[in-house]
Amino acid sequence: MGSSVYSDFRGAELDVVLPGGDIPFSIKYDYPNGDVVRAGGDAESLRYLSRALNFKFNPVPIIDGKWGGLVERETNAFNGMIGMVQRRVRNHTLTMASIIHFFIHTKC
């Protein structure tokens, strides 16, 4: 049986669903030479992960503008970012750790 832990994505290019289609809580710097750099905690985390796991990423916006909630209990269908990944419209999603922490430690 194969491992479910990824150590190398072999340079794959992944579509990452992000709020607003960009890295949350980051500052975007557009340089005259055409370079674009994003700074901030989430930007640094995503950059670190992409280097450590060997992948490139394309930030994409949420189709319906929602984070994701259960919309159909019988089929366990979600909307928002979670639904996009669930339906395999996109590869991954990224959200801030503080929101994940909030949901884990509260009864929803």
N, C-alpha and C. Protein backbone atom coordinates (compact mmCIF):
# COMPACT_ATOMS: atom_id res chain seq x y z
N MET A 1 0.85 -1.17 0.00
CA MET A 1 0.00 0.00 0.00
C MET A 1 0.90 1.24 0.00
N GLY A 2 0.57 2.23 -0.81
CA GLY A 2 1.35 3.46 -0.91
C GLY A 2 1.12 4.38 0.27
N SER A 3 2.07 5.26 0.45
CA SER A 3 1.99 6.23 1.53
C SER A 3 1.04 7.36 1.17
N SER A 4 0.32 7.89 2.15
CA SER A 4 -0.57 9.02 1.91
C SER A 4 0.11 10.34 2.28
N VAL A 5 1.39 10.28 2.62
CA VAL A 5 2.14 11.48 2.98
C VAL A 5 2.97 11.91 1.78
N TYR A 6 2.77 13.16 1.35
CA TYR A 6 3.51 13.67 0.20
C TYR A 6 4.80 14.32 0.65
N SER A 7 5.89 13.98 -0.01
CA SER A 7 7.15 14.64 0.28
C SER A 7 7.64 15.42 -0.94
N ASP A 8 7.06 15.12 -2.11
CA ASP A 8 7.49 15.81 -3.34
C ASP A 8 6.36 15.75 -4.36
N PHE A 9 5.92 16.92 -4.80
CA PHE A 9 4.88 16.99 -5.82
C PHE A 9 5.48 17.02 -7.23
N ARG A 10 6.80 16.83 -7.32
CA ARG A 10 7.50 16.72 -8.61
C ARG A 10 7.27 17.90 -9.53
N GLY A 11 7.24 19.10 -8.96
CA GLY A 11 7.10 20.31 -9.77
C GLY A 11 5.71 20.55 -10.31
N ALA A 12 4.72 19.84 -9.78
CA ALA A 12 3.34 19.99 -10.27
C ALA A 12 2.87 21.44 -10.10
N GLU A 13 2.01 21.87 -10.99
CA GLU A 13 1.41 23.19 -10.89
C GLU A 13 -0.02 23.01 -10.38
N LEU A 14 -0.30 23.54 -9.19
CA LEU A 14 -1.57 23.33 -8.52
C LEU A 14 -2.40 24.61 -8.51
N ASP A 15 -3.70 24.46 -8.70
CA ASP A 15 -4.63 25.58 -8.54
C ASP A 15 -5.05 25.61 -7.08
N VAL A 16 -4.76 26.71 -6.40
CA VAL A 16 -5.07 26.85 -4.98
C VAL A 16 -6.16 27.89 -4.84
N VAL A 17 -7.30 27.48 -4.28
CA VAL A 17 -8.43 28.39 -4.09
C VAL A 17 -8.14 29.29 -2.89
N LEU A 18 -8.19 30.59 -3.12
CA LEU A 18 -7.88 31.56 -2.08
C LEU A 18 -8.97 32.61 -2.00
N PRO A 19 -9.26 33.10 -0.79
CA PRO A 19 -10.26 34.17 -0.67
C PRO A 19 -9.85 35.37 -1.52
N GLY A 20 -10.72 35.83 -2.37
CA GLY A 20 -10.40 36.96 -3.24
C GLY A 20 -9.45 36.61 -4.37
N GLY A 21 -9.08 35.34 -4.49
CA GLY A 21 -8.18 34.92 -5.55
C GLY A 21 -6.74 35.30 -5.31
N ASP A 22 -6.41 35.70 -4.09
CA ASP A 22 -5.05 36.09 -3.78
C ASP A 22 -4.72 35.63 -2.37
N ILE A 23 -3.46 35.66 -2.02
CA ILE A 23 -3.02 35.18 -0.71
C ILE A 23 -3.55 36.11 0.37
N PRO A 24 -4.29 35.55 1.34
CA PRO A 24 -4.87 36.40 2.39
C PRO A 24 -3.80 37.08 3.24
N PHE A 25 -4.12 38.26 3.74
CA PHE A 25 -3.27 39.01 4.65
C PHE A 25 -1.85 39.19 4.10
N SER A 26 -1.76 39.48 2.82
CA SER A 26 -0.45 39.73 2.23
C SER A 26 -0.45 41.10 1.56
N ILE A 27 0.73 41.61 1.40
CA ILE A 27 0.91 42.87 0.69
C ILE A 27 1.53 42.53 -0.66
N LYS A 28 0.97 43.07 -1.71
CA LYS A 28 1.44 42.79 -3.06
C LYS A 28 2.32 43.94 -3.54
N TYR A 29 3.52 43.62 -3.97
CA TYR A 29 4.44 44.61 -4.53
C TYR A 29 4.62 44.34 -6.02
N ASP A 30 4.26 45.32 -6.85
CA ASP A 30 4.47 45.23 -8.29
C ASP A 30 5.69 46.07 -8.63
N TYR A 31 6.74 45.43 -9.13
CA TYR A 31 7.97 46.14 -9.46
C TYR A 31 7.96 46.55 -10.94
N PRO A 32 8.66 47.64 -11.27
CA PRO A 32 8.70 48.13 -12.65
C PRO A 32 9.20 47.10 -13.67
N ASN A 33 10.04 46.16 -13.22
CA ASN A 33 10.55 45.14 -14.15
C ASN A 33 9.55 44.02 -14.40
N GLY A 34 8.35 44.11 -13.79
CA GLY A 34 7.32 43.09 -14.00
C GLY A 34 7.22 42.06 -12.90
N ASP A 35 8.21 42.03 -12.00
CA ASP A 35 8.14 41.08 -10.88
C ASP A 35 7.00 41.44 -9.94
N VAL A 36 6.35 40.42 -9.41
CA VAL A 36 5.31 40.62 -8.41
C VAL A 36 5.71 39.79 -7.19
N VAL A 37 5.76 40.44 -6.04
CA VAL A 37 6.14 39.76 -4.80
C VAL A 37 5.05 40.01 -3.77
N ARG A 38 4.68 38.96 -3.05
CA ARG A 38 3.71 39.08 -1.97
C ARG A 38 4.42 38.83 -0.66
N ALA A 39 4.15 39.68 0.33
CA ALA A 39 4.79 39.56 1.63
C ALA A 39 3.72 39.41 2.70
N GLY A 40 4.06 38.72 3.77
CA GLY A 40 3.14 38.50 4.87
C GLY A 40 3.22 37.05 5.32
N GLY A 41 2.63 36.76 6.47
CA GLY A 41 2.72 35.42 7.05
C GLY A 41 2.17 34.32 6.16
N ASP A 42 0.97 34.52 5.60
CA ASP A 42 0.38 33.49 4.75
C ASP A 42 1.17 33.32 3.46
N ALA A 43 1.67 34.43 2.90
CA ALA A 43 2.48 34.36 1.68
C ALA A 43 3.76 33.58 1.94
N GLU A 44 4.41 33.87 3.08
CA GLU A 44 5.65 33.16 3.42
C GLU A 44 5.37 31.67 3.64
N SER A 45 4.26 31.34 4.31
CA SER A 45 3.92 29.94 4.56
C SER A 45 3.70 29.19 3.26
N LEU A 46 2.95 29.80 2.34
CA LEU A 46 2.69 29.14 1.06
C LEU A 46 3.98 29.00 0.25
N ARG A 47 4.82 30.03 0.27
CA ARG A 47 6.10 29.95 -0.43
C ARG A 47 6.96 28.84 0.15
N TYR A 48 7.00 28.75 1.49
CA TYR A 48 7.79 27.71 2.14
C TYR A 48 7.27 26.31 1.74
N LEU A 49 5.94 26.13 1.82
CA LEU A 49 5.37 24.83 1.45
C LEU A 49 5.68 24.46 0.00
N SER A 50 5.57 25.45 -0.89
CA SER A 50 5.81 25.15 -2.31
C SER A 50 7.26 24.77 -2.56
N ARG A 51 8.19 25.39 -1.84
CA ARG A 51 9.60 25.01 -2.00
C ARG A 51 9.86 23.65 -1.36
N ALA A 52 9.35 23.45 -0.14
CA ALA A 52 9.61 22.21 0.59
C ALA A 52 9.00 20.99 -0.10
N LEU A 53 7.81 21.17 -0.71
CA LEU A 53 7.12 20.05 -1.34
C LEU A 53 7.23 20.04 -2.86
N ASN A 54 8.01 21.00 -3.41
CA ASN A 54 8.30 21.05 -4.84
C ASN A 54 7.06 21.16 -5.71
N PHE A 55 6.32 22.26 -5.53
CA PHE A 55 5.18 22.54 -6.42
C PHE A 55 5.09 24.02 -6.70
N LYS A 56 4.43 24.35 -7.79
CA LYS A 56 4.12 25.74 -8.14
C LYS A 56 2.63 25.90 -7.94
N PHE A 57 2.18 27.14 -7.72
CA PHE A 57 0.76 27.32 -7.47
C PHE A 57 0.21 28.51 -8.24
N ASN A 58 -1.05 28.36 -8.63
CA ASN A 58 -1.81 29.43 -9.27
C ASN A 58 -2.95 29.81 -8.33
N PRO A 59 -2.95 31.03 -7.78
CA PRO A 59 -4.08 31.42 -6.94
C PRO A 59 -5.33 31.65 -7.79
N VAL A 60 -6.45 31.08 -7.37
CA VAL A 60 -7.71 31.26 -8.09
C VAL A 60 -8.80 31.70 -7.11
N PRO A 61 -9.76 32.51 -7.57
CA PRO A 61 -10.82 32.98 -6.66
C PRO A 61 -11.88 31.91 -6.42
N ILE A 62 -12.65 32.12 -5.38
CA ILE A 62 -13.76 31.23 -5.05
C ILE A 62 -14.90 31.51 -6.03
N ILE A 63 -15.49 30.47 -6.60
CA ILE A 63 -16.54 30.64 -7.61
C ILE A 63 -17.74 31.40 -7.05
N ASP A 64 -18.23 30.99 -5.87
CA ASP A 64 -19.44 31.61 -5.34
C ASP A 64 -19.16 32.60 -4.20
N GLY A 65 -17.88 32.85 -3.91
CA GLY A 65 -17.52 33.82 -2.89
C GLY A 65 -17.70 33.35 -1.45
N LYS A 66 -17.95 32.07 -1.23
CA LYS A 66 -18.20 31.55 0.12
C LYS A 66 -17.01 30.72 0.60
N TRP A 67 -16.86 30.65 1.91
CA TRP A 67 -15.80 29.83 2.50
C TRP A 67 -16.12 28.35 2.31
N GLY A 68 -17.36 27.96 2.57
CA GLY A 68 -17.77 26.57 2.41
C GLY A 68 -18.61 26.10 3.55
N GLY A 69 -19.78 25.62 3.21
CA GLY A 69 -20.69 25.08 4.21
C GLY A 69 -21.49 23.95 3.61
N LEU A 70 -21.98 23.09 4.45
CA LEU A 70 -22.78 21.95 4.00
C LEU A 70 -24.09 22.44 3.40
N VAL A 71 -24.34 22.09 2.14
CA VAL A 71 -25.58 22.53 1.49
C VAL A 71 -26.52 21.37 1.19
N GLU A 72 -26.01 20.15 1.22
CA GLU A 72 -26.84 18.97 0.95
C GLU A 72 -26.38 17.84 1.86
N ARG A 73 -27.15 17.60 2.91
CA ARG A 73 -26.75 16.60 3.91
C ARG A 73 -26.69 15.18 3.34
N GLU A 74 -27.63 14.83 2.48
CA GLU A 74 -27.67 13.45 1.95
C GLU A 74 -26.44 13.09 1.15
N THR A 75 -25.93 14.06 0.41
CA THR A 75 -24.75 13.79 -0.43
C THR A 75 -23.46 14.38 0.14
N ASN A 76 -23.57 15.03 1.31
CA ASN A 76 -22.43 15.71 1.92
C ASN A 76 -21.80 16.73 0.99
N ALA A 77 -22.62 17.47 0.25
CA ALA A 77 -22.13 18.47 -0.70
C ALA A 77 -21.90 19.81 0.00
N PHE A 78 -20.78 20.42 -0.32
CA PHE A 78 -20.41 21.72 0.24
C PHE A 78 -20.37 22.77 -0.86
N ASN A 79 -20.54 24.03 -0.48
CA ASN A 79 -20.35 25.13 -1.41
C ASN A 79 -19.00 25.77 -1.13
N GLY A 80 -18.71 26.91 -1.75
CA GLY A 80 -17.50 27.68 -1.46
C GLY A 80 -16.21 26.98 -1.79
N MET A 81 -15.14 27.39 -1.08
CA MET A 81 -13.81 26.82 -1.30
C MET A 81 -13.79 25.32 -1.07
N ILE A 82 -14.43 24.90 0.01
CA ILE A 82 -14.45 23.47 0.34
C ILE A 82 -15.14 22.68 -0.77
N GLY A 83 -16.25 23.20 -1.27
CA GLY A 83 -16.98 22.53 -2.35
C GLY A 83 -16.18 22.44 -3.64
N MET A 84 -15.39 23.48 -3.94
CA MET A 84 -14.57 23.45 -5.15
C MET A 84 -13.55 22.32 -5.09
N VAL A 85 -12.94 22.13 -3.93
CA VAL A 85 -11.99 21.04 -3.76
C VAL A 85 -12.72 19.69 -3.74
N GLN A 86 -13.86 19.64 -3.05
CA GLN A 86 -14.65 18.41 -2.96
C GLN A 86 -15.08 17.92 -4.34
N ARG A 87 -15.52 18.87 -5.20
CA ARG A 87 -15.95 18.51 -6.55
C ARG A 87 -14.79 18.37 -7.53
N ARG A 88 -13.59 18.55 -7.04
CA ARG A 88 -12.36 18.46 -7.84
C ARG A 88 -12.29 19.50 -8.95
N VAL A 89 -12.95 20.66 -8.70
CA VAL A 89 -12.84 21.79 -9.61
C VAL A 89 -11.45 22.40 -9.49
N ARG A 90 -10.89 22.36 -8.28
CA ARG A 90 -9.55 22.85 -8.00
C ARG A 90 -8.83 21.85 -7.10
N ASN A 91 -7.49 21.98 -7.03
CA ASN A 91 -6.68 21.01 -6.30
C ASN A 91 -6.70 21.19 -4.78
N HIS A 92 -6.51 22.43 -4.34
CA HIS A 92 -6.33 22.70 -2.91
C HIS A 92 -6.95 24.03 -2.55
N THR A 93 -7.06 24.26 -1.25
CA THR A 93 -7.49 25.55 -0.76
C THR A 93 -6.59 25.95 0.40
N LEU A 94 -6.51 27.24 0.61
CA LEU A 94 -5.70 27.75 1.70
C LEU A 94 -6.52 28.77 2.46
N THR A 95 -6.51 28.63 3.76
CA THR A 95 -7.20 29.59 4.61
C THR A 95 -6.29 29.88 5.79
N MET A 96 -6.62 30.88 6.54
CA MET A 96 -5.75 31.23 7.65
C MET A 96 -5.93 30.28 8.82
N ALA A 97 -4.84 30.01 9.50
CA ALA A 97 -4.84 29.06 10.62
C ALA A 97 -5.74 29.51 11.75
N SER A 98 -5.89 30.81 11.96
CA SER A 98 -6.72 31.28 13.08
C SER A 98 -8.18 30.90 12.87
N ILE A 99 -8.65 30.91 11.62
CA ILE A 99 -10.03 30.52 11.36
C ILE A 99 -10.18 29.00 11.53
N ILE A 100 -9.22 28.24 11.06
CA ILE A 100 -9.26 26.79 11.24
C ILE A 100 -9.30 26.48 12.74
N HIS A 101 -8.45 27.15 13.51
CA HIS A 101 -8.41 26.96 14.96
C HIS A 101 -9.77 27.25 15.58
N PHE A 102 -10.41 28.32 15.15
CA PHE A 102 -11.72 28.70 15.66
C PHE A 102 -12.75 27.60 15.41
N PHE A 103 -12.78 27.07 14.19
CA PHE A 103 -13.76 26.03 13.86
C PHE A 103 -13.50 24.72 14.59
N ILE A 104 -12.25 24.39 14.80
CA ILE A 104 -11.92 23.15 15.48
C ILE A 104 -12.35 23.21 16.95
N HIS A 105 -12.23 24.39 17.54
CA HIS A 105 -12.48 24.51 18.98
C HIS A 105 -13.85 25.08 19.33
N THR A 106 -14.75 25.14 18.37
CA THR A 106 -16.12 25.57 18.66
C THR A 106 -17.07 24.54 18.10
N LYS A 107 -18.24 24.49 18.65
CA LYS A 107 -19.26 23.58 18.13
C LYS A 107 -20.01 24.30 17.01
N CYS A 108 -19.93 23.76 15.82
CA CYS A 108 -20.58 24.39 14.67
C CYS A 108 -21.93 23.75 14.42
